[in-house]
């Protein structure tokens, strides 16, 4: 990246003298997969997907909600207040200071946003994780957010869509963070019991306690290409079992091939795919129409017996005769026909 900083950037600034302060520092972004240099505006227009290798980079939560909801129109709800540092945790710095830094950096209270709006004209509630806030880790506040999203979906009789992007439970909250696993599981179960669809859109990464709870309980699981999905890391698993893991292990495509994910959908196709699924699950099917036969249509002809048409009594008599005949053969020891 030094040649960009030392050569390309000064030349660009020289072309527009007097407006250097308007130039962003990240005009060119390197694709972490193929190494191609991408102009930041082109990358934004492509929803953070590399046009060369189709690598899906992490997308900011606001832009993801803009992409999913109709006309980029959605509203958020205020999440319940929770204790900031119940365990008085401290490692290299106080937990309260970490929260303050991330809140200042992201402009959010915690790692989840609960929004509601329309997707293809159908009301829906979406709970989206913000990976930029402490790696999207799940603590008390995130658990409360998912519970609030489930209650809102039940209240509005709307589908619930959760978009995890998380490294798992938040270690700074200890056992209290692990308690969010059963709480969120119960919350999404209540949505299902209310007869409402629960859809999970798995984004990179979905790991740890999040994948071990609500994230794998959806009615339908959708994943973006290349998303890492699992509980423990691949390196930990490989060192534990002392075997080489298969290619693509813990990736969306691998999980789809093994039945853990229903579909892998490119980011640009997500609005259409979600809208189609919601329309199938929410819009009632038309009742079958009863078609009356027009007058004059011939009825099926009955078998004739002795020059006359057979009726139901004739059929009943024939059936009784066959039964008596079989019974007599059974009594004589002959094999029944």
C-alpha atoms as a PDB file:
ATOM      1  CA  UNK A   1       0.000   0.000   0.000  1.00  0.00           C
ATOM      2  CA  UNK A   2       3.041   2.365   0.249  1.00  0.00           C
ATOM      3  CA  UNK A   3       3.049   3.178  -3.471  1.00  0.00           C
ATOM      4  CA  UNK A   4      -0.551   4.359  -3.162  1.00  0.00           C
ATOM      5  CA  UNK A   5       0.262   6.561  -0.202  1.00  0.00           C
ATOM      6  CA  UNK A   6       3.533   7.920  -1.558  1.00  0.00           C
ATOM      7  CA  UNK A   7       2.817   8.194  -5.290  1.00  0.00           C
ATOM      8  CA  UNK A   8      -0.839   7.891  -6.286  1.00  0.00           C
ATOM      9  CA  UNK A   9      -2.354  10.036  -3.544  1.00  0.00           C
ATOM     10  CA  UNK A  10       0.040  13.016  -4.014  1.00  0.00           C
ATOM     11  CA  UNK A  11      -0.624  13.011  -7.761  1.00  0.00           C
ATOM     12  CA  UNK A  12      -4.376  13.033  -7.217  1.00  0.00           C
ATOM     13  CA  UNK A  13      -4.065  15.883  -4.745  1.00  0.00           C
ATOM     14  CA  UNK A  14      -1.921  17.817  -7.198  1.00  0.00           C
ATOM     15  CA  UNK A  15      -4.709  17.658  -9.781  1.00  0.00           C
ATOM     16  CA  UNK A  16      -7.175  19.379  -7.451  1.00  0.00           C
ATOM     17  CA  UNK A  17      -5.202  22.084  -5.613  1.00  0.00           C
ATOM     18  CA  UNK A  18      -6.947  23.831  -2.793  1.00  0.00           C
ATOM     19  CA  UNK A  19      -9.346  20.942  -2.114  1.00  0.00           C
ATOM     20  CA  UNK A  20      -7.032  18.416  -0.551  1.00  0.00           C
ATOM     21  CA  UNK A  21      -9.156  18.319   2.582  1.00  0.00           C
ATOM     22  CA  UNK A  22     -12.096  16.955   0.538  1.00  0.00           C
ATOM     23  CA  UNK A  23     -10.218  13.863  -0.606  1.00  0.00           C
ATOM     24  CA  UNK A  24     -10.917  10.733   1.481  1.00  0.00           C
ATOM     25  CA  UNK A  25      -7.971   8.731   2.771  1.00  0.00           C
ATOM     26  CA  UNK A  26      -9.453   5.444   1.525  1.00  0.00           C
ATOM     27  CA  UNK A  27     -10.146   6.236  -2.127  1.00  0.00           C
ATOM     28  CA  UNK A  28      -8.696   2.861  -3.148  1.00  0.00           C
ATOM     29  CA  UNK A  29      -9.488  -0.334  -1.275  1.00  0.00           C
ATOM     30  CA  UNK A  30      -7.645  -3.604  -1.714  1.00  0.00           C
ATOM     31  CA  UNK A  31      -9.763  -6.735  -2.025  1.00  0.00           C
ATOM     32  CA  UNK A  32      -8.668  -9.112   0.769  1.00  0.00           C
ATOM     33  CA  UNK A  33      -9.374 -12.115  -1.452  1.00  0.00           C
ATOM     34  CA  UNK A  34      -7.867 -11.387  -4.882  1.00  0.00           C
ATOM     35  CA  UNK A  35      -5.794  -8.287  -4.087  1.00  0.00           C
ATOM     36  CA  UNK A  36      -7.417  -6.109  -6.761  1.00  0.00           C
ATOM     37  CA  UNK A  37      -7.442  -2.351  -6.146  1.00  0.00           C
ATOM     38  CA  UNK A  38     -11.014  -1.069  -6.138  1.00  0.00           C
ATOM     39  CA  UNK A  39     -12.174   2.532  -6.337  1.00  0.00           C
ATOM     40  CA  UNK A  40     -14.243   3.242  -3.242  1.00  0.00           C
ATOM     41  CA  UNK A  41     -17.259   4.626  -5.121  1.00  0.00           C
ATOM     42  CA  UNK A  42     -17.426   1.617  -7.423  1.00  0.00           C
ATOM     43  CA  UNK A  43     -17.196  -0.670  -4.415  1.00  0.00           C
ATOM     44  CA  UNK A  44     -19.994   1.166  -2.610  1.00  0.00           C
ATOM     45  CA  UNK A  45     -22.240   0.979  -5.658  1.00  0.00           C
ATOM     46  CA  UNK A  46     -21.622  -2.761  -5.800  1.00  0.00           C
ATOM     47  CA  UNK A  47     -22.609  -3.139  -2.123  1.00  0.00           C
ATOM     48  CA  UNK A  48     -19.058  -3.974  -0.994  1.00  0.00           C
ATOM     49  CA  UNK A  49     -18.715  -6.934  -3.376  1.00  0.00           C
ATOM     50  CA  UNK A  50     -15.523  -7.288  -5.396  1.00  0.00           C
ATOM     51  CA  UNK A  51     -16.398  -7.242  -9.134  1.00  0.00           C
ATOM     52  CA  UNK A  52     -13.338  -9.373  -9.952  1.00  0.00           C
ATOM     53  CA  UNK A  53     -13.685 -12.348  -7.592  1.00  0.00           C
ATOM     54  CA  UNK A  54     -17.194 -11.824  -6.109  1.00  0.00           C
ATOM     55  CA  UNK A  55     -15.771 -11.639  -2.594  1.00  0.00           C
ATOM     56  CA  UNK A  56     -18.409 -10.290  -0.204  1.00  0.00           C
ATOM     57  CA  UNK A  57     -16.835  -7.813   2.203  1.00  0.00           C
ATOM     58  CA  UNK A  58     -18.507  -6.846   5.448  1.00  0.00           C
ATOM     59  CA  UNK A  59     -21.284  -4.324   4.930  1.00  0.00           C
ATOM     60  CA  UNK A  60     -22.222  -1.605   7.422  1.00  0.00           C
ATOM     61  CA  UNK A  61     -25.525  -2.314   9.148  1.00  0.00           C
ATOM     62  CA  UNK A  62     -27.211   0.903   7.934  1.00  0.00           C
ATOM     63  CA  UNK A  63     -26.351   0.135   4.316  1.00  0.00           C
ATOM     64  CA  UNK A  64     -27.565  -3.422   4.717  1.00  0.00           C
ATOM     65  CA  UNK A  65     -30.920  -2.223   6.016  1.00  0.00           C
ATOM     66  CA  UNK A  66     -31.121   0.277   3.146  1.00  0.00           C
ATOM     67  CA  UNK A  67     -30.544  -2.604   0.747  1.00  0.00           C
ATOM     68  CA  UNK A  68     -33.193  -4.892   2.228  1.00  0.00           C
ATOM     69  CA  UNK A  69     -36.088  -2.526   2.963  1.00  0.00           C
ATOM     70  CA  UNK A  70     -38.222  -1.014   0.214  1.00  0.00           C
ATOM     71  CA  UNK A  71     -36.988   2.412  -0.906  1.00  0.00           C
ATOM     72  CA  UNK A  72     -34.354   2.278   1.865  1.00  0.00           C
ATOM     73  CA  UNK A  73     -37.149   3.298   4.253  1.00  0.00           C
ATOM     74  CA  UNK A  74     -37.076   1.863   7.776  1.00  0.00           C
ATOM     75  CA  UNK A  75     -37.405   2.934  11.386  1.00  0.00           C
ATOM     76  CA  UNK A  76     -35.638   1.724  14.498  1.00  0.00           C
ATOM     77  CA  UNK A  77     -36.988   1.098  17.978  1.00  0.00           C
ATOM     78  CA  UNK A  78     -35.409   2.136  21.250  1.00  0.00           C
ATOM     79  CA  UNK A  79     -33.849  -0.820  23.002  1.00  0.00           C
ATOM     80  CA  UNK A  80     -34.299  -1.489  26.737  1.00  0.00           C
ATOM     81  CA  UNK A  81     -31.682  -0.030  29.069  1.00  0.00           C
ATOM     82  CA  UNK A  82     -29.348  -2.567  30.673  1.00  0.00           C
ATOM     83  CA  UNK A  83     -26.492  -2.386  33.200  1.00  0.00           C
ATOM     84  CA  UNK A  84     -23.323  -1.256  31.429  1.00  0.00           C
ATOM     85  CA  UNK A  85     -20.782  -3.210  33.465  1.00  0.00           C
ATOM     86  CA  UNK A  86     -22.498  -5.669  35.824  1.00  0.00           C
ATOM     87  CA  UNK A  87     -19.278  -7.591  36.603  1.00  0.00           C
ATOM     88  CA  UNK A  88     -16.941  -4.579  36.881  1.00  0.00           C
ATOM     89  CA  UNK A  89     -14.759  -6.315  34.308  1.00  0.00           C
ATOM     90  CA  UNK A  90     -11.279  -5.113  33.472  1.00  0.00           C
ATOM     91  CA  UNK A  91      -8.516  -6.506  31.260  1.00  0.00           C
ATOM     92  CA  UNK A  92      -6.123  -4.061  29.607  1.00  0.00           C
ATOM     93  CA  UNK A  93      -8.738  -1.351  30.163  1.00  0.00           C
ATOM     94  CA  UNK A  94     -12.075  -1.069  31.898  1.00  0.00           C
ATOM     95  CA  UNK A  95     -15.113  -2.535  30.161  1.00  0.00           C
ATOM     96  CA  UNK A  96     -16.941   0.757  30.628  1.00  0.00           C
ATOM     97  CA  UNK A  97     -14.146   2.536  28.749  1.00  0.00           C
ATOM     98  CA  UNK A  98     -14.344   0.026  25.906  1.00  0.00           C
ATOM     99  CA  UNK A  99     -18.087   0.568  25.633  1.00  0.00           C
ATOM    100  CA  UNK A 100     -17.563   4.319  25.608  1.00  0.00           C
ATOM    101  CA  UNK A 101     -15.002   4.057  22.804  1.00  0.00           C
ATOM    102  CA  UNK A 102     -17.183   1.834  20.615  1.00  0.00           C
ATOM    103  CA  UNK A 103     -20.254   3.951  21.226  1.00  0.00           C
ATOM    104  CA  UNK A 104     -18.317   6.998  20.146  1.00  0.00           C
ATOM    105  CA  UNK A 105     -16.940   5.183  17.104  1.00  0.00           C
ATOM    106  CA  UNK A 106     -20.196   3.641  15.848  1.00  0.00           C
ATOM    107  CA  UNK A 107     -22.818   6.001  17.249  1.00  0.00           C
ATOM    108  CA  UNK A 108     -24.737   3.038  18.724  1.00  0.00           C
ATOM    109  CA  UNK A 109     -25.486   1.900  22.230  1.00  0.00           C
ATOM    110  CA  UNK A 110     -24.537  -1.693  21.417  1.00  0.00           C
ATOM    111  CA  UNK A 111     -23.999  -4.252  18.668  1.00  0.00           C
ATOM    112  CA  UNK A 112     -27.588  -4.634  17.438  1.00  0.00           C
ATOM    113  CA  UNK A 113     -30.155  -2.576  15.559  1.00  0.00           C
ATOM    114  CA  UNK A 114     -33.857  -3.462  15.528  1.00  0.00           C
ATOM    115  CA  UNK A 115     -35.751  -1.933  12.615  1.00  0.00           C
ATOM    116  CA  UNK A 116     -39.109  -2.377  10.947  1.00  0.00           C
ATOM    117  CA  UNK A 117     -40.468  -1.515   7.519  1.00  0.00           C
ATOM    118  CA  UNK A 118     -41.647  -3.152   4.317  1.00  0.00           C
ATOM    119  CA  UNK A 119     -39.905  -5.750   2.178  1.00  0.00           C
ATOM    120  CA  UNK A 120     -41.627  -6.153  -1.188  1.00  0.00           C
ATOM    121  CA  UNK A 121     -44.669  -4.495   0.352  1.00  0.00           C
ATOM    122  CA  UNK A 122     -44.814  -6.883   3.353  1.00  0.00           C
ATOM    123  CA  UNK A 123     -44.293  -5.578   6.891  1.00  0.00           C
ATOM    124  CA  UNK A 124     -41.243  -7.155   8.530  1.00  0.00           C
ATOM    125  CA  UNK A 125     -39.087  -6.755  11.638  1.00  0.00           C
ATOM    126  CA  UNK A 126     -35.311  -7.016  11.209  1.00  0.00           C
ATOM    127  CA  UNK A 127     -32.691  -7.376  13.955  1.00  0.00           C
ATOM    128  CA  UNK A 128     -29.231  -6.738  12.456  1.00  0.00           C
ATOM    129  CA  UNK A 129     -25.867  -7.113  14.189  1.00  0.00           C
ATOM    130  CA  UNK A 130     -23.162  -4.460  13.879  1.00  0.00           C
ATOM    131  CA  UNK A 131     -19.807  -6.234  13.650  1.00  0.00           C
ATOM    132  CA  UNK A 132     -17.984  -2.933  14.101  1.00  0.00           C
ATOM    133  CA  UNK A 133     -19.212  -2.822  17.706  1.00  0.00           C
ATOM    134  CA  UNK A 134     -16.929  -5.223  19.600  1.00  0.00           C
ATOM    135  CA  UNK A 135     -17.113  -7.798  16.820  1.00  0.00           C
ATOM    136  CA  UNK A 136     -20.884  -8.057  17.124  1.00  0.00           C
ATOM    137  CA  UNK A 137     -20.465  -9.963  20.394  1.00  0.00           C
ATOM    138  CA  UNK A 138     -23.671 -10.892  22.215  1.00  0.00           C
ATOM    139  CA  UNK A 139     -24.138  -9.484  25.694  1.00  0.00           C
ATOM    140  CA  UNK A 140     -27.143  -8.481  27.764  1.00  0.00           C
ATOM    141  CA  UNK A 141     -28.036  -5.572  25.500  1.00  0.00           C
ATOM    142  CA  UNK A 142     -27.960  -7.698  22.349  1.00  0.00           C
ATOM    143  CA  UNK A 143     -30.089 -10.340  24.046  1.00  0.00           C
ATOM    144  CA  UNK A 144     -32.611  -7.680  25.046  1.00  0.00           C
ATOM    145  CA  UNK A 145     -32.613  -6.415  21.467  1.00  0.00           C
ATOM    146  CA  UNK A 146     -33.513  -9.832  20.050  1.00  0.00           C
ATOM    147  CA  UNK A 147     -36.226 -10.307  22.670  1.00  0.00           C
ATOM    148  CA  UNK A 148     -37.620  -6.857  21.819  1.00  0.00           C
ATOM    149  CA  UNK A 149     -37.554  -7.705  18.089  1.00  0.00           C
ATOM    150  CA  UNK A 150     -39.453 -10.950  18.711  1.00  0.00           C
ATOM    151  CA  UNK A 151     -42.092  -9.166  20.797  1.00  0.00           C
ATOM    152  CA  UNK A 152     -42.491  -6.474  18.133  1.00  0.00           C
ATOM    153  CA  UNK A 153     -42.925  -9.110  15.416  1.00  0.00           C
ATOM    154  CA  UNK A 154     -45.626 -10.854  17.454  1.00  0.00           C
ATOM    155  CA  UNK A 155     -47.349  -7.548  18.240  1.00  0.00           C
ATOM    156  CA  UNK A 156     -47.391  -6.497  14.581  1.00  0.00           C
ATOM    157  CA  UNK A 157     -48.007 -10.047  13.312  1.00  0.00           C
ATOM    158  CA  UNK A 158     -44.969  -9.613  11.065  1.00  0.00           C
ATOM    159  CA  UNK A 159     -42.157 -11.964  10.016  1.00  0.00           C
ATOM    160  CA  UNK A 160     -38.919 -11.755  11.996  1.00  0.00           C
ATOM    161  CA  UNK A 161     -35.585 -11.607  10.168  1.00  0.00           C
ATOM    162  CA  UNK A 162     -32.321 -11.725  12.133  1.00  0.00           C
ATOM    163  CA  UNK A 163     -29.006 -10.886  10.470  1.00  0.00           C
ATOM    164  CA  UNK A 164     -26.134 -12.089  12.690  1.00  0.00           C
ATOM    165  CA  UNK A 165     -22.547 -10.954  12.218  1.00  0.00           C
ATOM    166  CA  UNK A 166     -20.873 -11.956  15.440  1.00  0.00           C
ATOM    167  CA  UNK A 167     -17.896 -13.646  17.009  1.00  0.00           C
ATOM    168  CA  UNK A 168     -20.088 -15.108  19.768  1.00  0.00           C
ATOM    169  CA  UNK A 169     -20.769 -14.283  23.411  1.00  0.00           C
ATOM    170  CA  UNK A 170     -19.168 -11.221  25.014  1.00  0.00           C
ATOM    171  CA  UNK A 171     -16.521 -12.390  27.473  1.00  0.00           C
ATOM    172  CA  UNK A 172     -16.630  -9.142  29.468  1.00  0.00           C
ATOM    173  CA  UNK A 173     -20.095 -10.108  30.713  1.00  0.00           C
ATOM    174  CA  UNK A 174     -19.225 -13.700  31.611  1.00  0.00           C
ATOM    175  CA  UNK A 175     -22.132 -15.971  32.505  1.00  0.00           C
ATOM    176  CA  UNK A 176     -24.610 -13.153  31.874  1.00  0.00           C
ATOM    177  CA  UNK A 177     -23.700 -13.210  28.186  1.00  0.00           C
ATOM    178  CA  UNK A 178     -24.134 -16.996  28.028  1.00  0.00           C
ATOM    179  CA  UNK A 179     -27.608 -16.603  29.548  1.00  0.00           C
ATOM    180  CA  UNK A 180     -28.644 -14.769  26.380  1.00  0.00           C
ATOM    181  CA  UNK A 181     -28.441 -18.029  24.440  1.00  0.00           C
ATOM    182  CA  UNK A 182     -31.535 -19.617  26.066  1.00  0.00           C
ATOM    183  CA  UNK A 183     -33.288 -16.226  26.259  1.00  0.00           C
ATOM    184  CA  UNK A 184     -32.978 -15.612  22.533  1.00  0.00           C
ATOM    185  CA  UNK A 185     -33.917 -19.224  21.790  1.00  0.00           C
ATOM    186  CA  UNK A 186     -37.148 -18.819  23.762  1.00  0.00           C
ATOM    187  CA  UNK A 187     -37.859 -15.494  22.033  1.00  0.00           C
ATOM    188  CA  UNK A 188     -37.657 -16.898  18.499  1.00  0.00           C
ATOM    189  CA  UNK A 189     -39.630 -19.973  19.590  1.00  0.00           C
ATOM    190  CA  UNK A 190     -42.471 -17.667  20.629  1.00  0.00           C
ATOM    191  CA  UNK A 191     -42.409 -16.136  17.150  1.00  0.00           C
ATOM    192  CA  UNK A 192     -42.783 -19.593  15.628  1.00  0.00           C
ATOM    193  CA  UNK A 193     -45.569 -20.535  18.013  1.00  0.00           C
ATOM    194  CA  UNK A 194     -47.426 -17.416  16.887  1.00  0.00           C
ATOM    195  CA  UNK A 195     -47.384 -18.825  13.352  1.00  0.00           C
ATOM    196  CA  UNK A 196     -44.976 -16.176  12.036  1.00  0.00           C
ATOM    197  CA  UNK A 197     -41.988 -16.836   9.756  1.00  0.00           C
ATOM    198  CA  UNK A 198     -38.525 -16.642  11.300  1.00  0.00           C
ATOM    199  CA  UNK A 199     -35.764 -16.169   8.738  1.00  0.00           C
ATOM    200  CA  UNK A 200     -32.028 -16.004   9.459  1.00  0.00           C
ATOM    201  CA  UNK A 201     -29.676 -14.239   7.039  1.00  0.00           C
ATOM    202  CA  UNK A 202     -26.202 -15.511   7.921  1.00  0.00           C
ATOM    203  CA  UNK A 203     -23.408 -13.021   7.236  1.00  0.00           C
ATOM    204  CA  UNK A 204     -19.680 -13.191   7.831  1.00  0.00           C
ATOM    205  CA  UNK A 205     -18.905 -14.249  10.502  1.00  0.00           C
ATOM    206  CA  UNK A 206     -21.569 -16.166  12.428  1.00  0.00           C
ATOM    207  CA  UNK A 207     -19.752 -18.102  15.135  1.00  0.00           C
ATOM    208  CA  UNK A 208     -19.676 -18.987  18.836  1.00  0.00           C
ATOM    209  CA  UNK A 209     -22.715 -18.657  21.061  1.00  0.00           C
ATOM    210  CA  UNK A 210     -24.713 -16.900  18.354  1.00  0.00           C
ATOM    211  CA  UNK A 211     -24.482 -19.857  15.971  1.00  0.00           C
ATOM    212  CA  UNK A 212     -25.162 -22.211  18.909  1.00  0.00           C
ATOM    213  CA  UNK A 213     -28.485 -20.555  19.727  1.00  0.00           C
ATOM    214  CA  UNK A 214     -31.040 -18.635  17.647  1.00  0.00           C
ATOM    215  CA  UNK A 215     -28.944 -18.351  14.467  1.00  0.00           C
ATOM    216  CA  UNK A 216     -29.492 -21.997  13.515  1.00  0.00           C
ATOM    217  CA  UNK A 217     -33.169 -22.192  14.515  1.00  0.00           C
ATOM    218  CA  UNK A 218     -34.706 -20.329  11.594  1.00  0.00           C
ATOM    219  CA  UNK A 219     -37.489 -21.658   9.405  1.00  0.00           C
ATOM    220  CA  UNK A 220     -35.271 -20.707   6.461  1.00  0.00           C
ATOM    221  CA  UNK A 221     -31.509 -20.109   6.507  1.00  0.00           C
ATOM    222  CA  UNK A 222     -30.003 -17.830   3.866  1.00  0.00           C
ATOM    223  CA  UNK A 223     -26.282 -17.121   3.683  1.00  0.00           C
ATOM    224  CA  UNK A 224     -24.109 -14.779   1.682  1.00  0.00           C
ATOM    225  CA  UNK A 225     -21.338 -16.382  -0.429  1.00  0.00           C
ATOM    226  CA  UNK A 226     -18.208 -17.229   1.532  1.00  0.00           C
ATOM    227  CA  UNK A 227     -19.734 -16.579   4.950  1.00  0.00           C
ATOM    228  CA  UNK A 228     -17.929 -18.271   7.838  1.00  0.00           C
ATOM    229  CA  UNK A 229     -20.449 -20.225   9.915  1.00  0.00           C
ATOM    230  CA  UNK A 230     -19.577 -22.424  12.870  1.00  0.00           C
ATOM    231  CA  UNK A 231     -19.089 -22.684  16.616  1.00  0.00           C
ATOM    232  CA  UNK A 232     -15.390 -23.180  17.311  1.00  0.00           C
ATOM    233  CA  UNK A 233     -12.717 -21.983  14.928  1.00  0.00           C
ATOM    234  CA  UNK A 234     -11.384 -24.276  12.215  1.00  0.00           C
ATOM    235  CA  UNK A 235      -7.870 -24.195  13.671  1.00  0.00           C
ATOM    236  CA  UNK A 236      -9.127 -25.269  17.110  1.00  0.00           C
ATOM    237  CA  UNK A 237     -11.135 -28.122  15.591  1.00  0.00           C
ATOM    238  CA  UNK A 238      -8.208 -29.319  13.509  1.00  0.00           C
ATOM    239  CA  UNK A 239      -5.842 -29.311  16.457  1.00  0.00           C
ATOM    240  CA  UNK A 240      -8.404 -31.162  18.587  1.00  0.00           C
ATOM    241  CA  UNK A 241      -9.258 -33.973  16.188  1.00  0.00           C
ATOM    242  CA  UNK A 242      -5.760 -33.996  14.647  1.00  0.00           C
ATOM    243  CA  UNK A 243      -7.105 -34.374  11.137  1.00  0.00           C
ATOM    244  CA  UNK A 244      -7.017 -32.161   8.066  1.00  0.00           C
ATOM    245  CA  UNK A 245     -10.336 -30.427   7.531  1.00  0.00           C
ATOM    246  CA  UNK A 246     -11.986 -30.562   4.084  1.00  0.00           C
ATOM    247  CA  UNK A 247     -11.697 -27.648   1.683  1.00  0.00           C
ATOM    248  CA  UNK A 248     -14.251 -24.919   2.312  1.00  0.00           C
ATOM    249  CA  UNK A 249     -14.978 -26.133   5.831  1.00  0.00           C
ATOM    250  CA  UNK A 250     -17.316 -23.812   7.783  1.00  0.00           C
ATOM    251  CA  UNK A 251     -18.141 -21.782   4.685  1.00  0.00           C
ATOM    252  CA  UNK A 252     -21.654 -21.093   3.442  1.00  0.00           C
ATOM    253  CA  UNK A 253     -21.322 -23.272   0.339  1.00  0.00           C
ATOM    254  CA  UNK A 254     -20.002 -26.220   2.382  1.00  0.00           C
ATOM    255  CA  UNK A 255     -22.891 -25.940   4.849  1.00  0.00           C
ATOM    256  CA  UNK A 256     -25.414 -25.754   2.030  1.00  0.00           C
ATOM    257  CA  UNK A 257     -24.037 -28.955   0.527  1.00  0.00           C
ATOM    258  CA  UNK A 258     -24.408 -30.648   3.922  1.00  0.00           C
ATOM    259  CA  UNK A 259     -27.954 -29.442   4.640  1.00  0.00           C
ATOM    260  CA  UNK A 260     -27.272 -26.761   7.262  1.00  0.00           C
ATOM    261  CA  UNK A 261     -28.103 -23.806   4.986  1.00  0.00           C
ATOM    262  CA  UNK A 262     -31.081 -23.637   2.638  1.00  0.00           C
ATOM    263  CA  UNK A 263     -29.659 -21.247   0.049  1.00  0.00           C
ATOM    264  CA  UNK A 264     -26.601 -19.132  -0.697  1.00  0.00           C
ATOM    265  CA  UNK A 265     -27.661 -15.822  -2.223  1.00  0.00           C
ATOM    266  CA  UNK A 266     -25.524 -13.027  -3.653  1.00  0.00           C
ATOM    267  CA  UNK A 267     -25.915  -9.708  -1.865  1.00  0.00           C
ATOM    268  CA  UNK A 268     -27.502  -7.931  -4.818  1.00  0.00           C
ATOM    269  CA  UNK A 269     -30.199 -10.614  -5.009  1.00  0.00           C
ATOM    270  CA  UNK A 270     -31.144 -10.523  -1.316  1.00  0.00           C
ATOM    271  CA  UNK A 271     -34.055  -8.025  -1.553  1.00  0.00           C
ATOM    272  CA  UNK A 272     -35.746 -10.012  -4.321  1.00  0.00           C
ATOM    273  CA  UNK A 273     -35.128 -13.351  -2.593  1.00  0.00           C
ATOM    274  CA  UNK A 274     -36.443 -12.178   0.781  1.00  0.00           C
ATOM    275  CA  UNK A 275     -39.452 -10.576  -0.874  1.00  0.00           C
ATOM    276  CA  UNK A 276     -40.275 -13.765  -2.753  1.00  0.00           C
ATOM    277  CA  UNK A 277     -39.988 -15.906   0.389  1.00  0.00           C
ATOM    278  CA  UNK A 278     -42.116 -13.539   2.443  1.00  0.00           C
ATOM    279  CA  UNK A 279     -44.774 -13.369  -0.251  1.00  0.00           C
ATOM    280  CA  UNK A 280     -45.003 -17.165  -0.306  1.00  0.00           C
ATOM    281  CA  UNK A 281     -45.153 -17.462   3.479  1.00  0.00           C
ATOM    282  CA  UNK A 282     -47.421 -14.504   4.224  1.00  0.00           C
ATOM    283  CA  UNK A 283     -49.814 -13.996   1.338  1.00  0.00           C
ATOM    284  CA  UNK A 284     -52.740 -16.449   1.507  1.00  0.00           C
ATOM    285  CA  UNK A 285     -53.153 -18.837  -1.389  1.00  0.00           C
ATOM    286  CA  UNK A 286     -56.254 -18.594  -3.531  1.00  0.00           C
ATOM    287  CA  UNK A 287     -58.934 -21.127  -2.739  1.00  0.00           C
ATOM    288  CA  UNK A 288     -59.560 -23.796  -5.338  1.00  0.00           C
ATOM    289  CA  UNK A 289     -62.486 -22.989  -7.594  1.00  0.00           C
ATOM    290  CA  UNK A 290     -65.350 -25.474  -7.961  1.00  0.00           C
ATOM    291  CA  UNK A 291     -66.031 -26.017 -11.644  1.00  0.00           C
ATOM    292  CA  UNK A 292     -69.537 -27.208 -12.461  1.00  0.00           C
ATOM    293  CA  UNK A 293     -70.061 -29.471 -15.447  1.00  0.00           C
ATOM    294  CA  UNK A 294     -72.284 -27.907 -18.116  1.00  0.00           C
ATOM    295  CA  UNK A 295     -75.706 -29.400 -18.737  1.00  0.00           C
ATOM    296  CA  UNK A 296     -75.900 -32.149 -21.332  1.00  0.00           C
ATOM    297  CA  UNK A 297     -72.557 -33.747 -20.514  1.00  0.00           C
ATOM    298  CA  UNK A 298     -72.883 -37.535 -20.711  1.00  0.00           C
ATOM    299  CA  UNK A 299     -72.407 -39.428 -17.453  1.00  0.00           C
ATOM    300  CA  UNK A 300     -70.079 -42.464 -17.355  1.00  0.00           C
ATOM    301  CA  UNK A 301     -71.829 -45.512 -18.770  1.00  0.00           C
ATOM    302  CA  UNK A 302     -72.511 -48.422 -16.394  1.00  0.00           C
ATOM    303  CA  UNK A 303     -71.615 -52.010 -17.211  1.00  0.00           C
ATOM    304  CA  UNK A 304     -74.545 -53.799 -18.858  1.00  0.00           C
ATOM    305  CA  UNK A 305     -75.770 -57.144 -17.481  1.00  0.00           C
ATOM    306  CA  UNK A 306     -78.136 -59.318 -19.518  1.00  0.00           C
ATOM    307  CA  UNK A 307     -79.034 -56.570 -21.917  1.00  0.00           C
ATOM    308  CA  UNK A 308     -79.770 -53.992 -19.247  1.00  0.00           C
ATOM    309  CA  UNK A 309     -77.667 -51.395 -17.409  1.00  0.00           C
ATOM    310  CA  UNK A 310     -76.117 -52.476 -14.167  1.00  0.00           C
ATOM    311  CA  UNK A 311     -76.974 -50.561 -11.027  1.00  0.00           C
ATOM    312  CA  UNK A 312     -75.452 -50.456  -7.559  1.00  0.00           C
ATOM    313  CA  UNK A 313     -77.487 -53.428  -6.339  1.00  0.00           C
ATOM    314  CA  UNK A 314     -76.094 -55.618  -9.154  1.00  0.00           C
ATOM    315  CA  UNK A 315     -72.550 -54.662  -8.211  1.00  0.00           C
ATOM    316  CA  UNK A 316     -73.232 -55.490  -4.564  1.00  0.00           C
ATOM    317  CA  UNK A 317     -74.623 -58.926  -5.503  1.00  0.00           C
ATOM    318  CA  UNK A 318     -71.550 -59.733  -7.609  1.00  0.00           C
ATOM    319  CA  UNK A 319     -69.290 -58.760  -4.707  1.00  0.00           C
ATOM    320  CA  UNK A 320     -71.156 -61.057  -2.268  1.00  0.00           C
ATOM    321  CA  UNK A 321     -71.003 -63.975  -4.707  1.00  0.00           C
ATOM    322  CA  UNK A 322     -67.232 -63.604  -5.076  1.00  0.00           C
ATOM    323  CA  UNK A 323     -66.786 -63.511  -1.300  1.00  0.00           C
ATOM    324  CA  UNK A 324     -68.844 -66.694  -0.776  1.00  0.00           C
ATOM    325  CA  UNK A 325     -66.914 -68.463  -3.540  1.00  0.00           C
ATOM    326  CA  UNK A 326     -63.555 -67.644  -1.926  1.00  0.00           C
ATOM    327  CA  UNK A 327     -64.789 -68.842   1.495  1.00  0.00           C
ATOM    328  CA  UNK A 328     -65.871 -72.215   0.070  1.00  0.00           C
ATOM    329  CA  UNK A 329     -62.498 -72.737  -1.561  1.00  0.00           C
ATOM    330  CA  UNK A 330     -60.737 -71.935   1.711  1.00  0.00           C
ATOM    331  CA  UNK A 331     -62.811 -74.588   3.528  1.00  0.00           C
ATOM    332  CA  UNK A 332     -61.992 -77.239   0.881  1.00  0.00           C
ATOM    333  CA  UNK A 333     -58.253 -76.620   1.289  1.00  0.00           C
ATOM    334  CA  UNK A 334     -57.727 -75.089  -2.112  1.00  0.00           C
ATOM    335  CA  UNK A 335     -55.532 -72.058  -2.467  1.00  0.00           C
ATOM    336  CA  UNK A 336     -57.596 -68.888  -2.608  1.00  0.00           C
ATOM    337  CA  UNK A 337     -57.624 -67.077  -5.870  1.00  0.00           C
END
